[in-house]
C-alpha cells in the first residue's frame, strides 16, 4: 500500500489531543493495514480517547461492525518499563477494501468536532 494512503488518517490522529509522538503505519501484501501510536496516559482526555476509538472502531454497531480493531500493544513490561513509556495503541484493518482514509472519515464523523478542540472532549 502506498504511503499516501495513510495521509488522511495520520493527519487526523495528529490532531487528537491525547495522541503524542510518531505515528507508525504499515500494510501487508494482502492489503490489510495498521497504524500505531501513543496516547499520553496522563493527558486529561486519554481515557476519553480510548473510549471513543474503542466505540467507533470496535463496537459502533453490533450488527454491522467496521473491519477494524483498536487495541493496546506492548513489549514485555518486565523487560522494558511501564505504560508511560511502552504502551502503544494500534488500529488494524483486515479488509483490503476498507482503506485508511475511509477509517479517518468514520472517525472524523463520530469523534468530537473539531477533534483538536479540547472543549469538545469534555463530558459533563
PDB file of N, CA and C in Angstrom:
ATOM      1  N   UNK A   1       0.857  -1.175   0.000  1.00  0.00           N
ATOM      2  CA  UNK A   1       0.000   0.000   0.000  1.00  0.00           C
ATOM      3  C   UNK A   1       0.902   1.236   0.000  1.00  0.00           C
ATOM      4  N   UNK A   2       0.586   2.152  -0.840  1.00  0.00           N
ATOM      5  CA  UNK A   2       1.344   3.396  -0.974  1.00  0.00           C
ATOM      6  C   UNK A   2       1.218   4.236   0.299  1.00  0.00           C
ATOM      7  N   UNK A   3       2.308   4.888   0.705  1.00  0.00           N
ATOM      8  CA  UNK A   3       2.299   5.733   1.904  1.00  0.00           C
ATOM      9  C   UNK A   3       1.227   6.820   1.849  1.00  0.00           C
ATOM     10  N   UNK A   4       0.899   7.276   0.649  1.00  0.00           N
ATOM     11  CA  UNK A   4      -0.121   8.334   0.515  1.00  0.00           C
ATOM     12  C   UNK A   4      -1.486   7.878   1.011  1.00  0.00           C
ATOM     13  N   UNK A   5      -1.719   6.569   1.018  1.00  0.00           N
ATOM     14  CA  UNK A   5      -2.996   6.053   1.505  1.00  0.00           C
ATOM     15  C   UNK A   5      -3.194   6.349   2.988  1.00  0.00           C
ATOM     16  N   UNK A   6      -2.109   6.611   3.704  1.00  0.00           N
ATOM     17  CA  UNK A   6      -2.174   6.855   5.145  1.00  0.00           C
ATOM     18  C   UNK A   6      -2.257   8.331   5.514  1.00  0.00           C
ATOM     19  N   UNK A   7      -2.142   9.213   4.537  1.00  0.00           N
ATOM     20  CA  UNK A   7      -2.082  10.650   4.818  1.00  0.00           C
ATOM     21  C   UNK A   7      -3.264  11.134   5.646  1.00  0.00           C
ATOM     22  N   UNK A   8      -4.470  10.808   5.237  1.00  0.00           N
ATOM     23  CA  UNK A   8      -5.679  11.300   5.900  1.00  0.00           C
ATOM     24  C   UNK A   8      -5.771  10.828   7.354  1.00  0.00           C
ATOM     25  N   UNK A   9      -5.512   9.560   7.576  1.00  0.00           N
ATOM     26  CA  UNK A   9      -5.654   9.051   8.951  1.00  0.00           C
ATOM     27  C   UNK A   9      -4.543   9.586   9.850  1.00  0.00           C
ATOM     28  N   UNK A  10      -3.340   9.713   9.331  1.00  0.00           N
ATOM     29  CA  UNK A  10      -2.255  10.251  10.150  1.00  0.00           C
ATOM     30  C   UNK A  10      -2.508  11.717  10.477  1.00  0.00           C
ATOM     31  N   UNK A  11      -2.954  12.487   9.513  1.00  0.00           N
ATOM     32  CA  UNK A  11      -3.276  13.890   9.780  1.00  0.00           C
ATOM     33  C   UNK A  11      -4.381  14.008  10.821  1.00  0.00           C
ATOM     34  N   UNK A  12      -5.359  13.114  10.772  1.00  0.00           N
ATOM     35  CA  UNK A  12      -6.426  13.124  11.769  1.00  0.00           C
ATOM     36  C   UNK A  12      -5.875  12.781  13.151  1.00  0.00           C
ATOM     37  N   UNK A  13      -5.119  11.685  13.248  1.00  0.00           N
ATOM     38  CA  UNK A  13      -4.593  11.246  14.535  1.00  0.00           C
ATOM     39  C   UNK A  13      -3.687  12.290  15.170  1.00  0.00           C
ATOM     40  N   UNK A  14      -2.940  13.028  14.370  1.00  0.00           N
ATOM     41  CA  UNK A  14      -2.053  14.071  14.896  1.00  0.00           C
ATOM     42  C   UNK A  14      -2.824  15.204  15.554  1.00  0.00           C
ATOM     43  N   UNK A  15      -4.090  15.351  15.254  1.00  0.00           N
ATOM     44  CA  UNK A  15      -4.911  16.412  15.843  1.00  0.00           C
ATOM     45  C   UNK A  15      -5.561  16.002  17.166  1.00  0.00           C
ATOM     46  N   UNK A  16      -5.642  14.707  17.436  1.00  0.00           N
ATOM     47  CA  UNK A  16      -6.298  14.230  18.657  1.00  0.00           C
ATOM     48  C   UNK A  16      -5.442  14.651  19.856  1.00  0.00           C
ATOM     49  N   UNK A  17      -6.025  15.396  20.796  1.00  0.00           N
ATOM     50  CA  UNK A  17      -5.236  15.999  21.874  1.00  0.00           C
ATOM     51  C   UNK A  17      -4.356  15.029  22.671  1.00  0.00           C
ATOM     52  N   UNK A  18      -4.805  13.829  22.950  1.00  0.00           N
ATOM     53  CA  UNK A  18      -4.052  12.918  23.809  1.00  0.00           C
ATOM     54  C   UNK A  18      -3.015  12.087  23.047  1.00  0.00           C
ATOM     55  N   UNK A  19      -3.027  12.120  21.726  1.00  0.00           N
ATOM     56  CA  UNK A  19      -2.072  11.330  20.942  1.00  0.00           C
ATOM     57  C   UNK A  19      -0.768  12.102  20.803  1.00  0.00           C
ATOM     58  N   UNK A  20       0.337  11.424  21.102  1.00  0.00           N
ATOM     59  CA  UNK A  20       1.652  12.066  21.067  1.00  0.00           C
ATOM     60  C   UNK A  20       2.634  11.217  20.264  1.00  0.00           C
ATOM     61  N   UNK A  21       3.737  11.832  19.890  1.00  0.00           N
ATOM     62  CA  UNK A  21       4.825  11.103  19.264  1.00  0.00           C
ATOM     63  C   UNK A  21       4.586  10.745  17.808  1.00  0.00           C
ATOM     64  N   UNK A  22       5.446   9.871  17.342  1.00  0.00           N
ATOM     65  CA  UNK A  22       5.422   9.430  15.954  1.00  0.00           C
ATOM     66  C   UNK A  22       4.307   8.419  15.738  1.00  0.00           C
ATOM     67  N   UNK A  23       3.666   8.494  14.602  1.00  0.00           N
ATOM     68  CA  UNK A  23       2.620   7.546  14.234  1.00  0.00           C
ATOM     69  C   UNK A  23       3.199   6.604  13.188  1.00  0.00           C
ATOM     70  N   UNK A  24       3.223   5.323  13.527  1.00  0.00           N
ATOM     71  CA  UNK A  24       3.731   4.314  12.601  1.00  0.00           C
ATOM     72  C   UNK A  24       2.618   3.796  11.713  1.00  0.00           C
ATOM     73  N   UNK A  25       2.991   3.195  10.609  1.00  0.00           N
ATOM     74  CA  UNK A  25       1.999   2.672   9.672  1.00  0.00           C
ATOM     75  C   UNK A  25       2.595   1.503   8.914  1.00  0.00           C
ATOM     76  N   UNK A  26       1.740   0.685   8.358  1.00  0.00           N
ATOM     77  CA  UNK A  26       2.225  -0.417   7.553  1.00  0.00           C
ATOM     78  C   UNK A  26       1.085  -1.187   6.939  1.00  0.00           C
ATOM     79  N   UNK A  27       1.438  -2.034   5.989  1.00  0.00           N
ATOM     80  CA  UNK A  27       0.441  -2.876   5.347  1.00  0.00           C
ATOM     81  C   UNK A  27       1.102  -4.162   4.887  1.00  0.00           C
ATOM     82  N   UNK A  28       0.289  -5.177   4.709  1.00  0.00           N
ATOM     83  CA  UNK A  28       0.774  -6.466   4.241  1.00  0.00           C
ATOM     84  C   UNK A  28       0.514  -6.634   2.758  1.00  0.00           C
ATOM     85  N   UNK A  29       1.046  -7.677   2.215  1.00  0.00           N
ATOM     86  CA  UNK A  29       0.836  -7.984   0.800  1.00  0.00           C
ATOM     87  C   UNK A  29      -0.634  -8.251   0.483  1.00  0.00           C
ATOM     88  N   UNK A  30      -1.395  -8.610   1.501  1.00  0.00           N
ATOM     89  CA  UNK A  30      -2.817  -8.897   1.312  1.00  0.00           C
ATOM     90  C   UNK A  30      -3.690  -7.645   1.333  1.00  0.00           C
ATOM     91  N   UNK A  31      -3.091  -6.467   1.534  1.00  0.00           N
ATOM     92  CA  UNK A  31      -3.844  -5.219   1.548  1.00  0.00           C
ATOM     93  C   UNK A  31      -4.343  -4.806   2.914  1.00  0.00           C
ATOM     94  N   UNK A  32      -4.150  -5.664   3.911  1.00  0.00           N
ATOM     95  CA  UNK A  32      -4.525  -5.294   5.268  1.00  0.00           C
ATOM     96  C   UNK A  32      -3.507  -4.285   5.791  1.00  0.00           C
ATOM     97  N   UNK A  33      -3.917  -3.410   6.717  1.00  0.00           N
ATOM     98  CA  UNK A  33      -3.062  -2.310   7.146  1.00  0.00           C
ATOM     99  C   UNK A  33      -3.200  -2.053   8.642  1.00  0.00           C
ATOM    100  N   UNK A  34      -2.290  -1.217   9.164  1.00  0.00           N
ATOM    101  CA  UNK A  34      -2.307  -0.838  10.576  1.00  0.00           C
ATOM    102  C   UNK A  34      -1.684   0.543  10.747  1.00  0.00           C
ATOM    103  N   UNK A  35      -2.081   1.216  11.820  1.00  0.00           N
ATOM    104  CA  UNK A  35      -1.410   2.425  12.297  1.00  0.00           C
ATOM    105  C   UNK A  35      -1.201   2.257  13.797  1.00  0.00           C
ATOM    106  N   UNK A  36      -0.032   2.694  14.269  1.00  0.00           N
ATOM    107  CA  UNK A  36       0.339   2.521  15.670  1.00  0.00           C
ATOM    108  C   UNK A  36       0.767   3.873  16.234  1.00  0.00           C
ATOM    109  N   UNK A  37       0.308   4.169  17.454  1.00  0.00           N
ATOM    110  CA  UNK A  37       0.578   5.469  18.056  1.00  0.00           C
ATOM    111  C   UNK A  37       0.549   5.365  19.572  1.00  0.00           C
ATOM    112  N   UNK A  38       0.936   6.463  20.208  1.00  0.00           N
ATOM    113  CA  UNK A  38       0.958   6.540  21.666  1.00  0.00           C
ATOM    114  C   UNK A  38      -0.108   7.511  22.142  1.00  0.00           C
ATOM    115  N   UNK A  39      -0.794   7.123  23.180  1.00  0.00           N
ATOM    116  CA  UNK A  39      -1.719   8.010  23.880  1.00  0.00           C
ATOM    117  C   UNK A  39      -1.065   8.356  25.207  1.00  0.00           C
ATOM    118  N   UNK A  40      -0.895   9.641  25.464  1.00  0.00           N
ATOM    119  CA  UNK A  40      -0.317  10.102  26.729  1.00  0.00           C
ATOM    120  C   UNK A  40      -1.299   9.740  27.839  1.00  0.00           C
ATOM    121  N   UNK A  41      -0.973   8.713  28.615  1.00  0.00           N
ATOM    122  CA  UNK A  41      -1.923   8.219  29.619  1.00  0.00           C
ATOM    123  C   UNK A  41      -2.161   9.211  30.756  1.00  0.00           C
ATOM    124  N   UNK A  42      -1.359  10.252  30.821  1.00  0.00           N
ATOM    125  CA  UNK A  42      -1.553  11.282  31.839  1.00  0.00           C
ATOM    126  C   UNK A  42      -2.341  12.485  31.302  1.00  0.00           C
ATOM    127  N   UNK A  43      -2.673  12.470  30.050  1.00  0.00           N
ATOM    128  CA  UNK A  43      -3.454  13.561  29.458  1.00  0.00           C
ATOM    129  C   UNK A  43      -4.883  13.494  29.984  1.00  0.00           C
ATOM    130  N   UNK A  44      -5.490  14.645  30.197  1.00  0.00           N
ATOM    131  CA  UNK A  44      -6.838  14.675  30.775  1.00  0.00           C
ATOM    132  C   UNK A  44      -7.876  13.961  29.917  1.00  0.00           C
ATOM    133  N   UNK A  45      -7.619  13.818  28.611  1.00  0.00           N
ATOM    134  CA  UNK A  45      -8.578  13.138  27.728  1.00  0.00           C
ATOM    135  C   UNK A  45      -8.080  11.790  27.224  1.00  0.00           C
ATOM    136  N   UNK A  46      -7.080  11.214  27.900  1.00  0.00           N
ATOM    137  CA  UNK A  46      -6.528   9.931  27.470  1.00  0.00           C
ATOM    138  C   UNK A  46      -7.596   8.841  27.421  1.00  0.00           C
ATOM    139  N   UNK A  47      -8.314   8.681  28.493  1.00  0.00           N
ATOM    140  CA  UNK A  47      -9.284   7.582  28.530  1.00  0.00           C
ATOM    141  C   UNK A  47     -10.530   7.907  27.729  1.00  0.00           C
ATOM    142  N   UNK A  48     -10.818   9.192  27.540  1.00  0.00           N
ATOM    143  CA  UNK A  48     -11.891   9.570  26.616  1.00  0.00           C
ATOM    144  C   UNK A  48     -11.507   9.122  25.197  1.00  0.00           C
ATOM    145  N   UNK A  49     -10.236   9.315  24.855  1.00  0.00           N
ATOM    146  CA  UNK A  49      -9.747   8.920  23.537  1.00  0.00           C
ATOM    147  C   UNK A  49      -9.880   7.417  23.362  1.00  0.00           C
ATOM    148  N   UNK A  50      -9.446   6.660  24.350  1.00  0.00           N
ATOM    149  CA  UNK A  50      -9.556   5.202  24.283  1.00  0.00           C
ATOM    150  C   UNK A  50     -11.016   4.789  24.133  1.00  0.00           C
ATOM    151  N   UNK A  51     -11.885   5.410  24.903  1.00  0.00           N
ATOM    152  CA  UNK A  51     -13.305   5.066  24.854  1.00  0.00           C
ATOM    153  C   UNK A  51     -13.913   5.397  23.494  1.00  0.00           C
ATOM    154  N   UNK A  52     -13.631   6.581  22.983  1.00  0.00           N
ATOM    155  CA  UNK A  52     -14.176   6.991  21.679  1.00  0.00           C
ATOM    156  C   UNK A  52     -13.680   6.078  20.563  1.00  0.00           C
ATOM    157  N   UNK A  53     -12.364   5.823  20.523  1.00  0.00           N
ATOM    158  CA  UNK A  53     -11.809   4.963  19.482  1.00  0.00           C
ATOM    159  C   UNK A  53     -12.353   3.542  19.602  1.00  0.00           C
ATOM    160  N   UNK A  54     -12.417   3.034  20.834  1.00  0.00           N
ATOM    161  CA  UNK A  54     -12.958   1.694  21.044  1.00  0.00           C
ATOM    162  C   UNK A  54     -14.381   1.574  20.560  1.00  0.00           C
ATOM    163  N   UNK A  55     -15.181   2.596  20.824  1.00  0.00           N
ATOM    164  CA  UNK A  55     -16.577   2.579  20.384  1.00  0.00           C
ATOM    165  C   UNK A  55     -16.681   2.568  18.859  1.00  0.00           C
ATOM    166  N   UNK A  56     -16.026   3.515  18.211  1.00  0.00           N
ATOM    167  CA  UNK A  56     -16.161   3.633  16.753  1.00  0.00           C
ATOM    168  C   UNK A  56     -15.513   2.453  16.031  1.00  0.00           C
ATOM    169  N   UNK A  57     -14.310   2.096  16.433  1.00  0.00           N
ATOM    170  CA  UNK A  57     -13.540   1.111  15.664  1.00  0.00           C
ATOM    171  C   UNK A  57     -13.848  -0.335  16.034  1.00  0.00           C
ATOM    172  N   UNK A  58     -14.346  -0.581  17.237  1.00  0.00           N
ATOM    173  CA  UNK A  58     -14.599  -1.967  17.658  1.00  0.00           C
ATOM    174  C   UNK A  58     -16.082  -2.330  17.711  1.00  0.00           C
ATOM    175  N   UNK A  59     -16.918  -1.431  18.216  1.00  0.00           N
ATOM    176  CA  UNK A  59     -18.302  -1.823  18.503  1.00  0.00           C
ATOM    177  C   UNK A  59     -19.333  -0.746  18.227  1.00  0.00           C
ATOM    178  N   UNK A  60     -19.147   0.045  17.195  1.00  0.00           N
ATOM    179  CA  UNK A  60     -20.125   1.101  16.942  1.00  0.00           C
ATOM    180  C   UNK A  60     -21.496   0.507  16.639  1.00  0.00           C
ATOM    181  N   UNK A  61     -21.516  -0.585  15.916  1.00  0.00           N
ATOM    182  CA  UNK A  61     -22.763  -1.271  15.615  1.00  0.00           C
ATOM    183  C   UNK A  61     -22.549  -2.760  15.835  1.00  0.00           C
ATOM    184  N   UNK A  62     -23.407  -3.373  16.605  1.00  0.00           N
ATOM    185  CA  UNK A  62     -23.270  -4.804  16.848  1.00  0.00           C
ATOM    186  C   UNK A  62     -23.593  -5.629  15.605  1.00  0.00           C
ATOM    187  N   UNK A  63     -24.444  -5.084  14.742  1.00  0.00           N
ATOM    188  CA  UNK A  63     -24.867  -5.820  13.548  1.00  0.00           C
ATOM    189  C   UNK A  63     -23.950  -5.612  12.349  1.00  0.00           C
ATOM    190  N   UNK A  64     -23.390  -4.414  12.224  1.00  0.00           N
ATOM    191  CA  UNK A  64     -22.536  -4.095  11.082  1.00  0.00           C
ATOM    192  C   UNK A  64     -21.253  -3.432  11.581  1.00  0.00           C
ATOM    193  N   UNK A  65     -20.334  -4.228  12.037  1.00  0.00           N
ATOM    194  CA  UNK A  65     -19.081  -3.698  12.578  1.00  0.00           C
ATOM    195  C   UNK A  65     -18.139  -3.272  11.452  1.00  0.00           C
ATOM    196  N   UNK A  66     -17.322  -2.281  11.776  1.00  0.00           N
ATOM    197  CA  UNK A  66     -16.257  -1.911  10.851  1.00  0.00           C
ATOM    198  C   UNK A  66     -15.218  -3.036  10.850  1.00  0.00           C
ATOM    199  N   UNK A  67     -14.467  -3.176   9.771  1.00  0.00           N
ATOM    200  CA  UNK A  67     -13.458  -4.239   9.709  1.00  0.00           C
ATOM    201  C   UNK A  67     -12.158  -3.834  10.403  1.00  0.00           C
ATOM    202  N   UNK A  68     -12.291  -3.153  11.539  1.00  0.00           N
ATOM    203  CA  UNK A  68     -11.136  -2.630  12.260  1.00  0.00           C
ATOM    204  C   UNK A  68     -11.140  -3.126  13.696  1.00  0.00           C
ATOM    205  N   UNK A  69      -9.950  -3.099  14.287  1.00  0.00           N
ATOM    206  CA  UNK A  69      -9.823  -3.310  15.725  1.00  0.00           C
ATOM    207  C   UNK A  69      -8.906  -2.221  16.270  1.00  0.00           C
ATOM    208  N   UNK A  70      -9.215  -1.794  17.472  1.00  0.00           N
ATOM    209  CA  UNK A  70      -8.410  -0.821  18.196  1.00  0.00           C
ATOM    210  C   UNK A  70      -8.008  -1.494  19.491  1.00  0.00           C
ATOM    211  N   UNK A  71      -6.699  -1.571  19.744  1.00  0.00           N
ATOM    212  CA  UNK A  71      -6.264  -2.296  20.933  1.00  0.00           C
ATOM    213  C   UNK A  71      -4.897  -1.820  21.411  1.00  0.00           C
ATOM    214  N   UNK A  72      -4.596  -2.087  22.690  1.00  0.00           N
ATOM    215  CA  UNK A  72      -3.268  -1.749  23.199  1.00  0.00           C
ATOM    216  C   UNK A  72      -2.259  -2.800  22.765  1.00  0.00           C
ATOM    217  N   UNK A  73      -1.012  -2.381  22.618  1.00  0.00           N
ATOM    218  CA  UNK A  73       0.100  -3.296  22.342  1.00  0.00           C
ATOM    219  C   UNK A  73       1.294  -2.852  23.177  1.00  0.00           C
ATOM    220  N   UNK A  74       2.107  -3.837  23.582  1.00  0.00           N
ATOM    221  CA  UNK A  74       3.245  -3.519  24.447  1.00  0.00           C
ATOM    222  C   UNK A  74       4.305  -4.604  24.352  1.00  0.00           C
ATOM    223  N   UNK A  75       5.570  -4.195  24.446  1.00  0.00           N
ATOM    224  CA  UNK A  75       6.601  -5.205  24.645  1.00  0.00           C
ATOM    225  C   UNK A  75       6.483  -5.718  26.080  1.00  0.00           C
ATOM    226  N   UNK A  76       7.205  -6.768  26.444  1.00  0.00           N
ATOM    227  CA  UNK A  76       7.103  -7.291  27.816  1.00  0.00           C
ATOM    228  C   UNK A  76       7.450  -6.217  28.855  1.00  0.00           C
ATOM    229  N   UNK A  77       6.522  -5.862  29.737  1.00  0.00           N
ATOM    230  CA  UNK A  77       6.772  -4.817  30.732  1.00  0.00           C
ATOM    231  C   UNK A  77       7.947  -5.145  31.643  1.00  0.00           C
ATOM    232  N   UNK A  78       8.131  -6.418  31.971  1.00  0.00           N
ATOM    233  CA  UNK A  78       9.202  -6.797  32.887  1.00  0.00           C
ATOM    234  C   UNK A  78      10.589  -6.610  32.269  1.00  0.00           C
ATOM    235  N   UNK A  79      10.657  -6.425  30.955  1.00  0.00           N
ATOM    236  CA  UNK A  79      11.946  -6.212  30.293  1.00  0.00           C
ATOM    237  C   UNK A  79      12.180  -4.757  29.908  1.00  0.00           C
ATOM    238  N   UNK A  80      11.137  -3.942  29.973  1.00  0.00           N
ATOM    239  CA  UNK A  80      11.245  -2.583  29.455  1.00  0.00           C
ATOM    240  C   UNK A  80      10.888  -1.522  30.477  1.00  0.00           C
ATOM    241  N   UNK A  81       9.648  -1.450  30.843  1.00  0.00           N
ATOM    242  CA  UNK A  81       9.190  -0.418  31.756  1.00  0.00           C
ATOM    243  C   UNK A  81       7.684  -0.306  31.694  1.00  0.00           C
ATOM    244  N   UNK A  82       7.184   0.740  32.329  1.00  0.00           N
ATOM    245  CA  UNK A  82       5.748   0.901  32.481  1.00  0.00           C
ATOM    246  C   UNK A  82       5.046   1.524  31.294  1.00  0.00           C
ATOM    247  N   UNK A  83       3.748   1.710  31.442  1.00  0.00           N
ATOM    248  CA  UNK A  83       2.920   2.204  30.354  1.00  0.00           C
ATOM    249  C   UNK A  83       3.224   3.629  29.926  1.00  0.00           C
ATOM    250  N   UNK A  84       3.811   4.434  30.803  1.00  0.00           N
ATOM    251  CA  UNK A  84       4.171   5.801  30.399  1.00  0.00           C
ATOM    252  C   UNK A  84       5.082   5.800  29.177  1.00  0.00           C
ATOM    253  N   UNK A  85       5.947   4.816  29.097  1.00  0.00           N
ATOM    254  CA  UNK A  85       6.936   4.783  28.022  1.00  0.00           C
ATOM    255  C   UNK A  85       6.675   3.713  26.963  1.00  0.00           C
ATOM    256  N   UNK A  86       6.029   2.606  27.322  1.00  0.00           N
ATOM    257  CA  UNK A  86       6.000   1.471  26.412  1.00  0.00           C
ATOM    258  C   UNK A  86       4.623   0.994  25.974  1.00  0.00           C
ATOM    259  N   UNK A  87       3.573   1.621  26.422  1.00  0.00           N
ATOM    260  CA  UNK A  87       2.239   1.228  25.970  1.00  0.00           C
ATOM    261  C   UNK A  87       1.906   1.984  24.693  1.00  0.00           C
ATOM    262  N   UNK A  88       1.535   1.253  23.656  1.00  0.00           N
ATOM    263  CA  UNK A  88       1.119   1.856  22.392  1.00  0.00           C
ATOM    264  C   UNK A  88      -0.264   1.336  22.054  1.00  0.00           C
ATOM    265  N   UNK A  89      -0.855   1.948  21.045  1.00  0.00           N
ATOM    266  CA  UNK A  89      -2.188   1.564  20.586  1.00  0.00           C
ATOM    267  C   UNK A  89      -2.122   1.349  19.087  1.00  0.00           C
ATOM    268  N   UNK A  90      -2.914   0.410  18.599  1.00  0.00           N
ATOM    269  CA  UNK A  90      -2.898   0.107  17.172  1.00  0.00           C
ATOM    270  C   UNK A  90      -4.326   0.010  16.649  1.00  0.00           C
ATOM    271  N   UNK A  91      -4.506   0.555  15.458  1.00  0.00           N
ATOM    272  CA  UNK A  91      -5.727   0.336  14.685  1.00  0.00           C
ATOM    273  C   UNK A  91      -5.318  -0.628  13.583  1.00  0.00           C
ATOM    274  N   UNK A  92      -5.979  -1.758  13.513  1.00  0.00           N
ATOM    275  CA  UNK A  92      -5.707  -2.740  12.467  1.00  0.00           C
ATOM    276  C   UNK A  92      -6.949  -2.929  11.612  1.00  0.00           C
ATOM    277  N   UNK A  93      -6.735  -3.144  10.337  1.00  0.00           N
ATOM    278  CA  UNK A  93      -7.833  -3.415   9.425  1.00  0.00           C
ATOM    279  C   UNK A  93      -7.528  -4.694   8.658  1.00  0.00           C
ATOM    280  N   UNK A  94      -8.498  -5.580   8.621  1.00  0.00           N
ATOM    281  CA  UNK A  94      -8.320  -6.873   7.967  1.00  0.00           C
ATOM    282  C   UNK A  94      -9.139  -7.005   6.690  1.00  0.00           C
ATOM    283  N   UNK A  95      -9.591  -5.867   6.165  1.00  0.00           N
ATOM    284  CA  UNK A  95     -10.333  -5.849   4.904  1.00  0.00           C
ATOM    285  C   UNK A  95      -9.638  -4.887   3.950  1.00  0.00           C
ATOM    286  N   UNK A  96      -9.011  -5.400   2.898  1.00  0.00           N
ATOM    287  CA  UNK A  96      -8.262  -4.532   1.985  1.00  0.00           C
ATOM    288  C   UNK A  96      -9.126  -3.498   1.268  1.00  0.00           C
ATOM    289  N   UNK A  97     -10.430  -3.670   1.282  1.00  0.00           N
ATOM    290  CA  UNK A  97     -11.331  -2.701   0.645  1.00  0.00           C
ATOM    291  C   UNK A  97     -11.563  -1.475   1.525  1.00  0.00           C
ATOM    292  N   UNK A  98     -11.343  -1.613   2.818  1.00  0.00           N
ATOM    293  CA  UNK A  98     -11.540  -0.517   3.777  1.00  0.00           C
ATOM    294  C   UNK A  98     -10.196   0.173   3.971  1.00  0.00           C
ATOM    295  N   UNK A  99     -10.021   1.292   3.323  1.00  0.00           N
ATOM    296  CA  UNK A  99      -8.736   1.997   3.279  1.00  0.00           C
ATOM    297  C   UNK A  99      -8.548   2.891   4.509  1.00  0.00           C
ATOM    298  N   UNK A 100      -7.303   3.245   4.820  1.00  0.00           N
ATOM    299  CA  UNK A 100      -7.044   4.137   5.962  1.00  0.00           C
ATOM    300  C   UNK A 100      -7.793   5.470   5.867  1.00  0.00           C
ATOM    301  N   UNK A 101      -7.922   6.023   4.669  1.00  0.00           N
ATOM    302  CA  UNK A 101      -8.661   7.273   4.504  1.00  0.00           C
ATOM    303  C   UNK A 101     -10.127   7.125   4.859  1.00  0.00           C
ATOM    304  N   UNK A 102     -10.701   5.979   4.546  1.00  0.00           N
ATOM    305  CA  UNK A 102     -12.097   5.710   4.906  1.00  0.00           C
ATOM    306  C   UNK A 102     -12.235   5.620   6.421  1.00  0.00           C
ATOM    307  N   UNK A 103     -11.270   4.999   7.063  1.00  0.00           N
ATOM    308  CA  UNK A 103     -11.275   4.924   8.528  1.00  0.00           C
ATOM    309  C   UNK A 103     -11.219   6.324   9.123  1.00  0.00           C
ATOM    310  N   UNK A 104     -10.378   7.187   8.552  1.00  0.00           N
ATOM    311  CA  UNK A 104     -10.285   8.572   9.025  1.00  0.00           C
ATOM    312  C   UNK A 104     -11.626   9.282   8.892  1.00  0.00           C
ATOM    313  N   UNK A 105     -12.342   9.023   7.810  1.00  0.00           N
ATOM    314  CA  UNK A 105     -13.652   9.643   7.619  1.00  0.00           C
ATOM    315  C   UNK A 105     -14.644   9.183   8.684  1.00  0.00           C
ATOM    316  N   UNK A 106     -14.631   7.898   9.023  1.00  0.00           N
ATOM    317  CA  UNK A 106     -15.508   7.387  10.073  1.00  0.00           C
ATOM    318  C   UNK A 106     -15.185   8.045  11.414  1.00  0.00           C
ATOM    319  N   UNK A 107     -13.902   8.163  11.730  1.00  0.00           N
ATOM    320  CA  UNK A 107     -13.510   8.798  12.987  1.00  0.00           C
ATOM    321  C   UNK A 107     -13.873  10.276  12.997  1.00  0.00           C
ATOM    322  N   UNK A 108     -13.605  10.969  11.902  1.00  0.00           N
ATOM    323  CA  UNK A 108     -13.909  12.396  11.804  1.00  0.00           C
ATOM    324  C   UNK A 108     -15.398  12.653  12.026  1.00  0.00           C
ATOM    325  N   UNK A 109     -16.228  11.792  11.489  1.00  0.00           N
ATOM    326  CA  UNK A 109     -17.668  11.973  11.589  1.00  0.00           C
ATOM    327  C   UNK A 109     -18.263  11.614  12.927  1.00  0.00           C
ATOM    328  N   UNK A 110     -17.488  10.942  13.785  1.00  0.00           N
ATOM    329  CA  UNK A 110     -18.068  10.438  15.023  1.00  0.00           C
ATOM    330  C   UNK A 110     -17.361  10.868  16.302  1.00  0.00           C
ATOM    331  N   UNK A 111     -16.156  11.373  16.192  1.00  0.00           N
ATOM    332  CA  UNK A 111     -15.443  11.868  17.364  1.00  0.00           C
ATOM    333  C   UNK A 111     -15.757  13.343  17.568  1.00  0.00           C
ATOM    334  N   UNK A 112     -15.375  13.897  18.720  1.00  0.00           N
ATOM    335  CA  UNK A 112     -15.614  15.324  18.947  1.00  0.00           C
ATOM    336  C   UNK A 112     -15.143  16.156  17.757  1.00  0.00           C
ATOM    337  N   UNK A 113     -15.923  17.209  17.467  1.00  0.00           N
ATOM    338  CA  UNK A 113     -15.654  18.001  16.264  1.00  0.00           C
ATOM    339  C   UNK A 113     -15.640  19.488  16.615  1.00  0.00           C
ATOM    340  N   UNK A 114     -14.557  20.181  16.300  1.00  0.00           N
ATOM    341  CA  UNK A 114     -13.323  19.688  15.699  1.00  0.00           C
ATOM    342  C   UNK A 114     -12.519  18.889  16.722  1.00  0.00           C
ATOM    343  N   UNK A 115     -11.852  17.856  16.249  1.00  0.00           N
ATOM    344  CA  UNK A 115     -11.184  16.903  17.134  1.00  0.00           C
ATOM    345  C   UNK A 115     -10.085  17.543  17.973  1.00  0.00           C
ATOM    346  N   UNK A 116      -9.458  18.599  17.483  1.00  0.00           N
ATOM    347  CA  UNK A 116      -8.369  19.234  18.243  1.00  0.00           C
ATOM    348  C   UNK A 116      -8.867  20.197  19.316  1.00  0.00           C
ATOM    349  N   UNK A 117     -10.167  20.470  19.372  1.00  0.00           N
ATOM    350  CA  UNK A 117     -10.746  21.396  20.342  1.00  0.00           C
ATOM    351  C   UNK A 117     -10.988  20.681  21.676  1.00  0.00           C
ATOM    352  N   UNK A 118     -10.208  21.038  22.680  1.00  0.00           N
ATOM    353  CA  UNK A 118     -10.306  20.390  23.982  1.00  0.00           C
ATOM    354  C   UNK A 118     -11.705  20.496  24.578  1.00  0.00           C
ATOM    355  N   UNK A 119     -12.390  21.608  24.339  1.00  0.00           N
ATOM    356  CA  UNK A 119     -13.731  21.778  24.905  1.00  0.00           C
ATOM    357  C   UNK A 119     -14.716  20.735  24.370  1.00  0.00           C
ATOM    358  N   UNK A 120     -14.485  20.267  23.156  1.00  0.00           N
ATOM    359  CA  UNK A 120     -15.382  19.277  22.569  1.00  0.00           C
ATOM    360  C   UNK A 120     -15.214  17.894  23.224  1.00  0.00           C
ATOM    361  N   UNK A 121     -14.078  17.676  23.855  1.00  0.00           N
ATOM    362  CA  UNK A 121     -13.815  16.385  24.514  1.00  0.00           C
ATOM    363  C   UNK A 121     -14.390  16.322  25.918  1.00  0.00           C
ATOM    364  N   UNK A 122     -14.665  17.455  26.521  1.00  0.00           N
ATOM    365  CA  UNK A 122     -15.157  17.485  27.894  1.00  0.00           C
ATOM    366  C   UNK A 122     -16.561  16.875  27.957  1.00  0.00           C
ATOM    367  N   UNK A 123     -16.718  15.886  28.810  1.00  0.00           N
ATOM    368  CA  UNK A 123     -18.014  15.250  29.018  1.00  0.00           C
ATOM    369  C   UNK A 123     -18.535  15.708  30.368  1.00  0.00           C
ATOM    370  N   UNK A 124     -19.756  16.217  30.364  1.00  0.00           N
ATOM    371  CA  UNK A 124     -20.330  16.720  31.617  1.00  0.00           C
ATOM    372  C   UNK A 124     -20.895  15.599  32.444  1.00  0.00           C
TER     373      UNK A 124
END
